[in-house]
Amino acid sequence: MKITKKSAAFASIAALGLSLAACDSPAENEAEENIEEMEDARDAQVNEMEAEGMITDEQADAMDDQTDAMEESMEEQADEIDEM
């Protein structure tokens, strides 16, 4: 597995998120766990497709960016759970 600046930044953000998780409701925590599982599954799929030569590095990067955007949007929605 190659370590990129993006994956290092994501790990830092994830660590920060975990430190803030104590402030979240159980429903929000569950939603965020589901989001993380979805992201991990999609990242694994993209990495496998890239390793098998099914997609280029550029396509993998674009898919990773799309996954990150989806995750961010979904986490913003999860944050609103406590505000309802």
PDB file of N, CA and C in Angstrom:
ATOM      1  N   MET A   1       0.842  -1.168   0.000  1.00  0.00           N
ATOM      2  CA  MET A   1       0.000   0.000   0.000  1.00  0.00           C
ATOM      3  C   MET A   1       0.889   1.232   0.000  1.00  0.00           C
ATOM      4  N   LYS A   2       0.644   2.121  -0.953  1.00  0.00           N
ATOM      5  CA  LYS A   2       1.472   3.310  -1.017  1.00  0.00           C
ATOM      6  C   LYS A   2       0.879   4.397  -0.118  1.00  0.00           C
ATOM      7  N   ILE A   3       1.754   5.111   0.554  1.00  0.00           N
ATOM      8  CA  ILE A   3       1.350   6.197   1.434  1.00  0.00           C
ATOM      9  C   ILE A   3       1.474   7.497   0.643  1.00  0.00           C
ATOM     10  N   THR A   4       0.398   8.229   0.544  1.00  0.00           N
ATOM     11  CA  THR A   4       0.408   9.498  -0.161  1.00  0.00           C
ATOM     12  C   THR A   4       0.125  10.622   0.815  1.00  0.00           C
ATOM     13  N   LYS A   5       0.337  11.839   0.354  1.00  0.00           N
ATOM     14  CA  LYS A   5       0.026  12.995   1.195  1.00  0.00           C
ATOM     15  C   LYS A   5      -1.450  12.985   1.572  1.00  0.00           C
ATOM     16  N   LYS A   6      -2.292  12.566   0.607  1.00  0.00           N
ATOM     17  CA  LYS A   6      -3.721  12.548   0.865  1.00  0.00           C
ATOM     18  C   LYS A   6      -4.071  11.526   1.942  1.00  0.00           C
ATOM     19  N   SER A   7      -3.467  10.359   1.906  1.00  0.00           N
ATOM     20  CA  SER A   7      -3.775   9.349   2.918  1.00  0.00           C
ATOM     21  C   SER A   7      -3.222   9.753   4.275  1.00  0.00           C
ATOM     22  N   ALA A   8      -2.082  10.437   4.294  1.00  0.00           N
ATOM     23  CA  ALA A   8      -1.535  10.922   5.562  1.00  0.00           C
ATOM     24  C   ALA A   8      -2.429  12.009   6.142  1.00  0.00           C
ATOM     25  N   ALA A   9      -2.926  12.886   5.281  1.00  0.00           N
ATOM     26  CA  ALA A   9      -3.836  13.937   5.745  1.00  0.00           C
ATOM     27  C   ALA A   9      -5.130  13.329   6.250  1.00  0.00           C
ATOM     28  N   PHE A  10      -5.627  12.328   5.535  1.00  0.00           N
ATOM     29  CA  PHE A  10      -6.865  11.672   5.961  1.00  0.00           C
ATOM     30  C   PHE A  10      -6.675  11.013   7.323  1.00  0.00           C
ATOM     31  N   ALA A  11      -5.525  10.388   7.543  1.00  0.00           N
ATOM     32  CA  ALA A  11      -5.270   9.748   8.837  1.00  0.00           C
ATOM     33  C   ALA A  11      -5.265  10.781   9.953  1.00  0.00           C
ATOM     34  N   SER A  12      -4.716  11.943   9.676  1.00  0.00           N
ATOM     35  CA  SER A  12      -4.708  13.015  10.671  1.00  0.00           C
ATOM     36  C   SER A  12      -6.123  13.492  10.965  1.00  0.00           C
ATOM     37  N   ILE A  13      -6.912  13.654   9.913  1.00  0.00           N
ATOM     38  CA  ILE A  13      -8.302  14.080  10.087  1.00  0.00           C
ATOM     39  C   ILE A  13      -9.084  13.023  10.841  1.00  0.00           C
ATOM     40  N   ALA A  14      -8.855  11.765  10.523  1.00  0.00           N
ATOM     41  CA  ALA A  14      -9.555  10.676  11.218  1.00  0.00           C
ATOM     42  C   ALA A  14      -9.211  10.672  12.704  1.00  0.00           C
ATOM     43  N   ALA A  15      -7.949  10.910  13.023  1.00  0.00           N
ATOM     44  CA  ALA A  15      -7.549  10.951  14.434  1.00  0.00           C
ATOM     45  C   ALA A  15      -8.233  12.107  15.147  1.00  0.00           C
ATOM     46  N   LEU A  16      -8.322  13.244  14.482  1.00  0.00           N
ATOM     47  CA  LEU A  16      -9.017  14.386  15.064  1.00  0.00           C
ATOM     48  C   LEU A  16     -10.492  14.062  15.255  1.00  0.00           C
ATOM     49  N   GLY A  17     -11.080  13.403  14.263  1.00  0.00           N
ATOM     50  CA  GLY A  17     -12.486  13.012  14.366  1.00  0.00           C
ATOM     51  C   GLY A  17     -12.729  12.085  15.540  1.00  0.00           C
ATOM     52  N   LEU A  18     -11.813  11.167  15.762  1.00  0.00           N
ATOM     53  CA  LEU A  18     -11.968  10.250  16.890  1.00  0.00           C
ATOM     54  C   LEU A  18     -11.899  10.990  18.215  1.00  0.00           C
ATOM     55  N   SER A  19     -11.083  12.014  18.275  1.00  0.00           N
ATOM     56  CA  SER A  19     -10.983  12.765  19.529  1.00  0.00           C
ATOM     57  C   SER A  19     -12.252  13.558  19.793  1.00  0.00           C
ATOM     58  N   LEU A  20     -12.971  13.905  18.744  1.00  0.00           N
ATOM     59  CA  LEU A  20     -14.222  14.637  18.904  1.00  0.00           C
ATOM     60  C   LEU A  20     -15.427  13.717  19.023  1.00  0.00           C
ATOM     61  N   ALA A  21     -15.260  12.445  18.772  1.00  0.00           N
ATOM     62  CA  ALA A  21     -16.379  11.506  18.748  1.00  0.00           C
ATOM     63  C   ALA A  21     -17.094  11.423  20.088  1.00  0.00           C
ATOM     64  N   ALA A  22     -16.403  11.693  21.158  1.00  0.00           N
ATOM     65  CA  ALA A  22     -17.029  11.626  22.479  1.00  0.00           C
ATOM     66  C   ALA A  22     -18.148  12.646  22.617  1.00  0.00           C
ATOM     67  N   CYS A  23     -18.153  13.681  21.798  1.00  0.00           N
ATOM     68  CA  CYS A  23     -19.176  14.721  21.856  1.00  0.00           C
ATOM     69  C   CYS A  23     -20.411  14.363  21.045  1.00  0.00           C
ATOM     70  N   ASP A  24     -20.361  13.316  20.263  1.00  0.00           N
ATOM     71  CA  ASP A  24     -21.451  12.950  19.368  1.00  0.00           C
ATOM     72  C   ASP A  24     -22.443  12.017  20.042  1.00  0.00           C
ATOM     73  N   SER A  25     -23.661  12.015  19.503  1.00  0.00           N
ATOM     74  CA  SER A  25     -24.683  11.095  19.987  1.00  0.00           C
ATOM     75  C   SER A  25     -24.389   9.698  19.453  1.00  0.00           C
ATOM     76  N   PRO A  26     -24.988   8.671  20.067  1.00  0.00           N
ATOM     77  CA  PRO A  26     -24.788   7.310  19.549  1.00  0.00           C
ATOM     78  C   PRO A  26     -25.240   7.168  18.088  1.00  0.00           C
ATOM     79  N   ALA A  27     -26.325   7.840  17.719  1.00  0.00           N
ATOM     80  CA  ALA A  27     -26.816   7.754  16.336  1.00  0.00           C
ATOM     81  C   ALA A  27     -25.812   8.368  15.365  1.00  0.00           C
ATOM     82  N   GLU A  28     -25.237   9.500  15.758  1.00  0.00           N
ATOM     83  CA  GLU A  28     -24.245  10.148  14.899  1.00  0.00           C
ATOM     84  C   GLU A  28     -22.993   9.290  14.796  1.00  0.00           C
ATOM     85  N   ASN A  29     -22.560   8.711  15.906  1.00  0.00           N
ATOM     86  CA  ASN A  29     -21.387   7.832  15.880  1.00  0.00           C
ATOM     87  C   ASN A  29     -21.613   6.636  14.969  1.00  0.00           C
ATOM     88  N   GLU A  30     -22.796   6.037  15.042  1.00  0.00           N
ATOM     89  CA  GLU A  30     -23.107   4.885  14.189  1.00  0.00           C
ATOM     90  C   GLU A  30     -23.091   5.289  12.716  1.00  0.00           C
ATOM     91  N   ALA A  31     -23.681   6.435  12.414  1.00  0.00           N
ATOM     92  CA  ALA A  31     -23.691   6.910  11.032  1.00  0.00           C
ATOM     93  C   ALA A  31     -22.265   7.134  10.538  1.00  0.00           C
ATOM     94  N   GLU A  32     -21.420   7.731  11.377  1.00  0.00           N
ATOM     95  CA  GLU A  32     -20.040   7.984  10.975  1.00  0.00           C
ATOM     96  C   GLU A  32     -19.253   6.687  10.800  1.00  0.00           C
ATOM     97  N   GLU A  33     -19.535   5.692  11.625  1.00  0.00           N
ATOM     98  CA  GLU A  33     -18.882   4.386  11.451  1.00  0.00           C
ATOM     99  C   GLU A  33     -19.282   3.765  10.122  1.00  0.00           C
ATOM    100  N   ASN A  34     -20.559   3.870   9.765  1.00  0.00           N
ATOM    101  CA  ASN A  34     -21.030   3.334   8.484  1.00  0.00           C
ATOM    102  C   ASN A  34     -20.383   4.057   7.315  1.00  0.00           C
ATOM    103  N   ILE A  35     -20.219   5.372   7.455  1.00  0.00           N
ATOM    104  CA  ILE A  35     -19.572   6.156   6.407  1.00  0.00           C
ATOM    105  C   ILE A  35     -18.126   5.705   6.233  1.00  0.00           C
ATOM    106  N   GLU A  36     -17.420   5.508   7.337  1.00  0.00           N
ATOM    107  CA  GLU A  36     -16.025   5.058   7.281  1.00  0.00           C
ATOM    108  C   GLU A  36     -15.920   3.688   6.622  1.00  0.00           C
ATOM    109  N   GLU A  37     -16.841   2.779   6.943  1.00  0.00           N
ATOM    110  CA  GLU A  37     -16.826   1.450   6.331  1.00  0.00           C
ATOM    111  C   GLU A  37     -17.050   1.545   4.832  1.00  0.00           C
ATOM    112  N   MET A  38     -17.969   2.422   4.411  1.00  0.00           N
ATOM    113  CA  MET A  38     -18.228   2.604   2.982  1.00  0.00           C
ATOM    114  C   MET A  38     -16.985   3.143   2.303  1.00  0.00           C
ATOM    115  N   GLU A  39     -16.346   4.125   2.937  1.00  0.00           N
ATOM    116  CA  GLU A  39     -15.151   4.711   2.343  1.00  0.00           C
ATOM    117  C   GLU A  39     -14.021   3.685   2.244  1.00  0.00           C
ATOM    118  N   ASP A  40     -13.828   2.913   3.295  1.00  0.00           N
ATOM    119  CA  ASP A  40     -12.779   1.883   3.275  1.00  0.00           C
ATOM    120  C   ASP A  40     -13.023   0.868   2.166  1.00  0.00           C
ATOM    121  N   ALA A  41     -14.277   0.457   1.998  1.00  0.00           N
ATOM    122  CA  ALA A  41     -14.617  -0.523   0.954  1.00  0.00           C
ATOM    123  C   ALA A  41     -14.359   0.058  -0.436  1.00  0.00           C
ATOM    124  N   ARG A  42     -14.762   1.305  -0.624  1.00  0.00           N
ATOM    125  CA  ARG A  42     -14.565   1.929  -1.936  1.00  0.00           C
ATOM    126  C   ARG A  42     -13.072   2.145  -2.207  1.00  0.00           C
ATOM    127  N   ASP A  43     -12.321   2.579  -1.196  1.00  0.00           N
ATOM    128  CA  ASP A  43     -10.877   2.752  -1.375  1.00  0.00           C
ATOM    129  C   ASP A  43     -10.208   1.434  -1.750  1.00  0.00           C
ATOM    130  N   ALA A  44     -10.606   0.361  -1.090  1.00  0.00           N
ATOM    131  CA  ALA A  44     -10.041  -0.957  -1.396  1.00  0.00           C
ATOM    132  C   ALA A  44     -10.370  -1.362  -2.832  1.00  0.00           C
ATOM    133  N   GLN A  45     -11.594  -1.084  -3.252  1.00  0.00           N
ATOM    134  CA  GLN A  45     -12.002  -1.422  -4.614  1.00  0.00           C
ATOM    135  C   GLN A  45     -11.190  -0.628  -5.633  1.00  0.00           C
ATOM    136  N   VAL A  46     -11.025   0.663  -5.389  1.00  0.00           N
ATOM    137  CA  VAL A  46     -10.243   1.507  -6.304  1.00  0.00           C
ATOM    138  C   VAL A  46      -8.788   1.025  -6.342  1.00  0.00           C
ATOM    139  N   ASN A  47      -8.216   0.726  -5.193  1.00  0.00           N
ATOM    140  CA  ASN A  47      -6.830   0.241  -5.152  1.00  0.00           C
ATOM    141  C   ASN A  47      -6.675  -1.062  -5.918  1.00  0.00           C
ATOM    142  N   GLU A  48      -7.645  -1.945  -5.777  1.00  0.00           N
ATOM    143  CA  GLU A  48      -7.596  -3.227  -6.492  1.00  0.00           C
ATOM    144  C   GLU A  48      -7.696  -3.003  -8.003  1.00  0.00           C
ATOM    145  N   MET A  49      -8.615  -2.119  -8.414  1.00  0.00           N
ATOM    146  CA  MET A  49      -8.769  -1.837  -9.839  1.00  0.00           C
ATOM    147  C   MET A  49      -7.495  -1.234 -10.414  1.00  0.00           C
ATOM    148  N   GLU A  50      -6.858  -0.370  -9.650  1.00  0.00           N
ATOM    149  CA  GLU A  50      -5.608   0.248 -10.104  1.00  0.00           C
ATOM    150  C   GLU A  50      -4.492  -0.793 -10.181  1.00  0.00           C
ATOM    151  N   ALA A  51      -4.403  -1.645  -9.177  1.00  0.00           N
ATOM    152  CA  ALA A  51      -3.357  -2.676  -9.151  1.00  0.00           C
ATOM    153  C   ALA A  51      -3.508  -3.661 -10.300  1.00  0.00           C
ATOM    154  N   GLU A  52      -4.740  -3.930 -10.693  1.00  0.00           N
ATOM    155  CA  GLU A  52      -4.989  -4.873 -11.785  1.00  0.00           C
ATOM    156  C   GLU A  52      -4.907  -4.219 -13.159  1.00  0.00           C
ATOM    157  N   GLY A  53      -4.642  -2.917 -13.187  1.00  0.00           N
ATOM    158  CA  GLY A  53      -4.506  -2.220 -14.459  1.00  0.00           C
ATOM    159  C   GLY A  53      -5.823  -1.881 -15.120  1.00  0.00           C
ATOM    160  N   MET A  54      -6.908  -1.974 -14.369  1.00  0.00           N
ATOM    161  CA  MET A  54      -8.226  -1.676 -14.927  1.00  0.00           C
ATOM    162  C   MET A  54      -8.443  -0.172 -15.074  1.00  0.00           C
ATOM    163  N   ILE A  55      -7.754   0.621 -14.244  1.00  0.00           N
ATOM    164  CA  ILE A  55      -7.854   2.069 -14.307  1.00  0.00           C
ATOM    165  C   ILE A  55      -6.455   2.656 -14.159  1.00  0.00           C
ATOM    166  N   THR A  56      -6.303   3.879 -14.632  1.00  0.00           N
ATOM    167  CA  THR A  56      -5.009   4.566 -14.539  1.00  0.00           C
ATOM    168  C   THR A  56      -4.863   5.223 -13.168  1.00  0.00           C
ATOM    169  N   ASP A  57      -3.664   5.685 -12.887  1.00  0.00           N
ATOM    170  CA  ASP A  57      -3.417   6.426 -11.650  1.00  0.00           C
ATOM    171  C   ASP A  57      -4.315   7.661 -11.575  1.00  0.00           C
ATOM    172  N   GLU A  58      -4.457   8.341 -12.688  1.00  0.00           N
ATOM    173  CA  GLU A  58      -5.277   9.549 -12.726  1.00  0.00           C
ATOM    174  C   GLU A  58      -6.739   9.218 -12.444  1.00  0.00           C
ATOM    175  N   GLN A  59      -7.228   8.113 -13.003  1.00  0.00           N
ATOM    176  CA  GLN A  59      -8.607   7.708 -12.746  1.00  0.00           C
ATOM    177  C   GLN A  59      -8.787   7.323 -11.274  1.00  0.00           C
ATOM    178  N   ALA A  60      -7.797   6.645 -10.715  1.00  0.00           N
ATOM    179  CA  ALA A  60      -7.863   6.262  -9.304  1.00  0.00           C
ATOM    180  C   ALA A  60      -7.880   7.504  -8.422  1.00  0.00           C
ATOM    181  N   ASP A  61      -7.055   8.483  -8.757  1.00  0.00           N
ATOM    182  CA  ASP A  61      -7.025   9.727  -7.989  1.00  0.00           C
ATOM    183  C   ASP A  61      -8.378  10.439  -8.071  1.00  0.00           C
ATOM    184  N   ALA A  62      -8.967  10.471  -9.250  1.00  0.00           N
ATOM    185  CA  ALA A  62     -10.273  11.109  -9.417  1.00  0.00           C
ATOM    186  C   ALA A  62     -11.337  10.376  -8.598  1.00  0.00           C
ATOM    187  N   MET A  63     -11.283   9.055  -8.599  1.00  0.00           N
ATOM    188  CA  MET A  63     -12.245   8.274  -7.815  1.00  0.00           C
ATOM    189  C   MET A  63     -12.023   8.492  -6.320  1.00  0.00           C
ATOM    190  N   ASP A  64     -10.762   8.603  -5.907  1.00  0.00           N
ATOM    191  CA  ASP A  64     -10.460   8.890  -4.500  1.00  0.00           C
ATOM    192  C   ASP A  64     -10.997  10.262  -4.102  1.00  0.00           C
ATOM    193  N   ASP A  65     -10.838  11.241  -4.989  1.00  0.00           N
ATOM    194  CA  ASP A  65     -11.370  12.578  -4.712  1.00  0.00           C
ATOM    195  C   ASP A  65     -12.888  12.541  -4.592  1.00  0.00           C
ATOM    196  N   GLN A  66     -13.524  11.770  -5.459  1.00  0.00           N
ATOM    197  CA  GLN A  66     -14.985  11.634  -5.410  1.00  0.00           C
ATOM    198  C   GLN A  66     -15.413  10.970  -4.103  1.00  0.00           C
ATOM    199  N   THR A  67     -14.688   9.954  -3.688  1.00  0.00           N
ATOM    200  CA  THR A  67     -14.993   9.276  -2.429  1.00  0.00           C
ATOM    201  C   THR A  67     -14.843  10.236  -1.262  1.00  0.00           C
ATOM    202  N   ASP A  68     -13.777  11.028  -1.259  1.00  0.00           N
ATOM    203  CA  ASP A  68     -13.565  11.999  -0.192  1.00  0.00           C
ATOM    204  C   ASP A  68     -14.695  13.018  -0.130  1.00  0.00           C
ATOM    205  N   ALA A  69     -15.144  13.486  -1.288  1.00  0.00           N
ATOM    206  CA  ALA A  69     -16.243  14.454  -1.337  1.00  0.00           C
ATOM    207  C   ALA A  69     -17.534  13.837  -0.814  1.00  0.00           C
ATOM    208  N   MET A  70     -17.787  12.584  -1.204  1.00  0.00           N
ATOM    209  CA  MET A  70     -18.980  11.885  -0.722  1.00  0.00           C
ATOM    210  C   MET A  70     -18.919  11.724   0.790  1.00  0.00           C
ATOM    211  N   GLU A  71     -17.757  11.333   1.293  1.00  0.00           N
ATOM    212  CA  GLU A  71     -17.599  11.125   2.731  1.00  0.00           C
ATOM    213  C   GLU A  71     -17.830  12.431   3.487  1.00  0.00           C
ATOM    214  N   GLU A  72     -17.266  13.498   2.996  1.00  0.00           N
ATOM    215  CA  GLU A  72     -17.415  14.787   3.663  1.00  0.00           C
ATOM    216  C   GLU A  72     -18.880  15.213   3.703  1.00  0.00           C
ATOM    217  N   SER A  73     -19.566  15.057   2.589  1.00  0.00           N
ATOM    218  CA  SER A  73     -20.978  15.417   2.523  1.00  0.00           C
ATOM    219  C   SER A  73     -21.812  14.565   3.478  1.00  0.00           C
ATOM    220  N   MET A  74     -21.537  13.279   3.494  1.00  0.00           N
ATOM    221  CA  MET A  74     -22.286  12.371   4.363  1.00  0.00           C
ATOM    222  C   MET A  74     -21.994  12.658   5.835  1.00  0.00           C
ATOM    223  N   GLU A  75     -20.754  13.015   6.164  1.00  0.00           N
ATOM    224  CA  GLU A  75     -20.417  13.335   7.551  1.00  0.00           C
ATOM    225  C   GLU A  75     -21.086  14.632   7.990  1.00  0.00           C
ATOM    226  N   GLU A  76     -21.211  15.588   7.073  1.00  0.00           N
ATOM    227  CA  GLU A  76     -21.928  16.819   7.399  1.00  0.00           C
ATOM    228  C   GLU A  76     -23.387  16.503   7.713  1.00  0.00           C
ATOM    229  N   GLN A  77     -23.975  15.593   6.946  1.00  0.00           N
ATOM    230  CA  GLN A  77     -25.352  15.184   7.219  1.00  0.00           C
ATOM    231  C   GLN A  77     -25.444  14.472   8.562  1.00  0.00           C
ATOM    232  N   ALA A  78     -24.467  13.653   8.873  1.00  0.00           N
ATOM    233  CA  ALA A  78     -24.462  12.940  10.151  1.00  0.00           C
ATOM    234  C   ALA A  78     -24.327  13.922  11.312  1.00  0.00           C
ATOM    235  N   ASP A  79     -23.552  14.978  11.121  1.00  0.00           N
ATOM    236  CA  ASP A  79     -23.399  15.992  12.167  1.00  0.00           C
ATOM    237  C   ASP A  79     -24.739  16.663  12.489  1.00  0.00           C
ATOM    238  N   GLU A  80     -25.625  16.731  11.503  1.00  0.00           N
ATOM    239  CA  GLU A  80     -26.920  17.366  11.708  1.00  0.00           C
ATOM    240  C   GLU A  80     -27.887  16.491  12.505  1.00  0.00           C
ATOM    241  N   ILE A  81     -27.547  15.238  12.734  1.00  0.00           N
ATOM    242  CA  ILE A  81     -28.416  14.347  13.479  1.00  0.00           C
ATOM    243  C   ILE A  81     -28.681  14.924  14.872  1.00  0.00           C
ATOM    244  N   ASP A  82     -27.653  15.434  15.518  1.00  0.00           N
ATOM    245  CA  ASP A  82     -27.805  15.995  16.865  1.00  0.00           C
ATOM    246  C   ASP A  82     -28.552  17.314  16.859  1.00  0.00           C
ATOM    247  N   GLU A  83     -28.586  17.984  15.725  1.00  0.00           N
ATOM    248  CA  GLU A  83     -29.236  19.286  15.653  1.00  0.00           C
ATOM    249  C   GLU A  83     -30.735  19.175  15.424  1.00  0.00           C
ATOM    250  N   MET A  84     -31.226  17.998  15.122  1.00  0.00           N
ATOM    251  CA  MET A  84     -32.653  17.810  14.849  1.00  0.00           C
ATOM    252  C   MET A  84     -33.467  17.798  16.117  1.00  0.00           C
TER     253      MET A  84
END
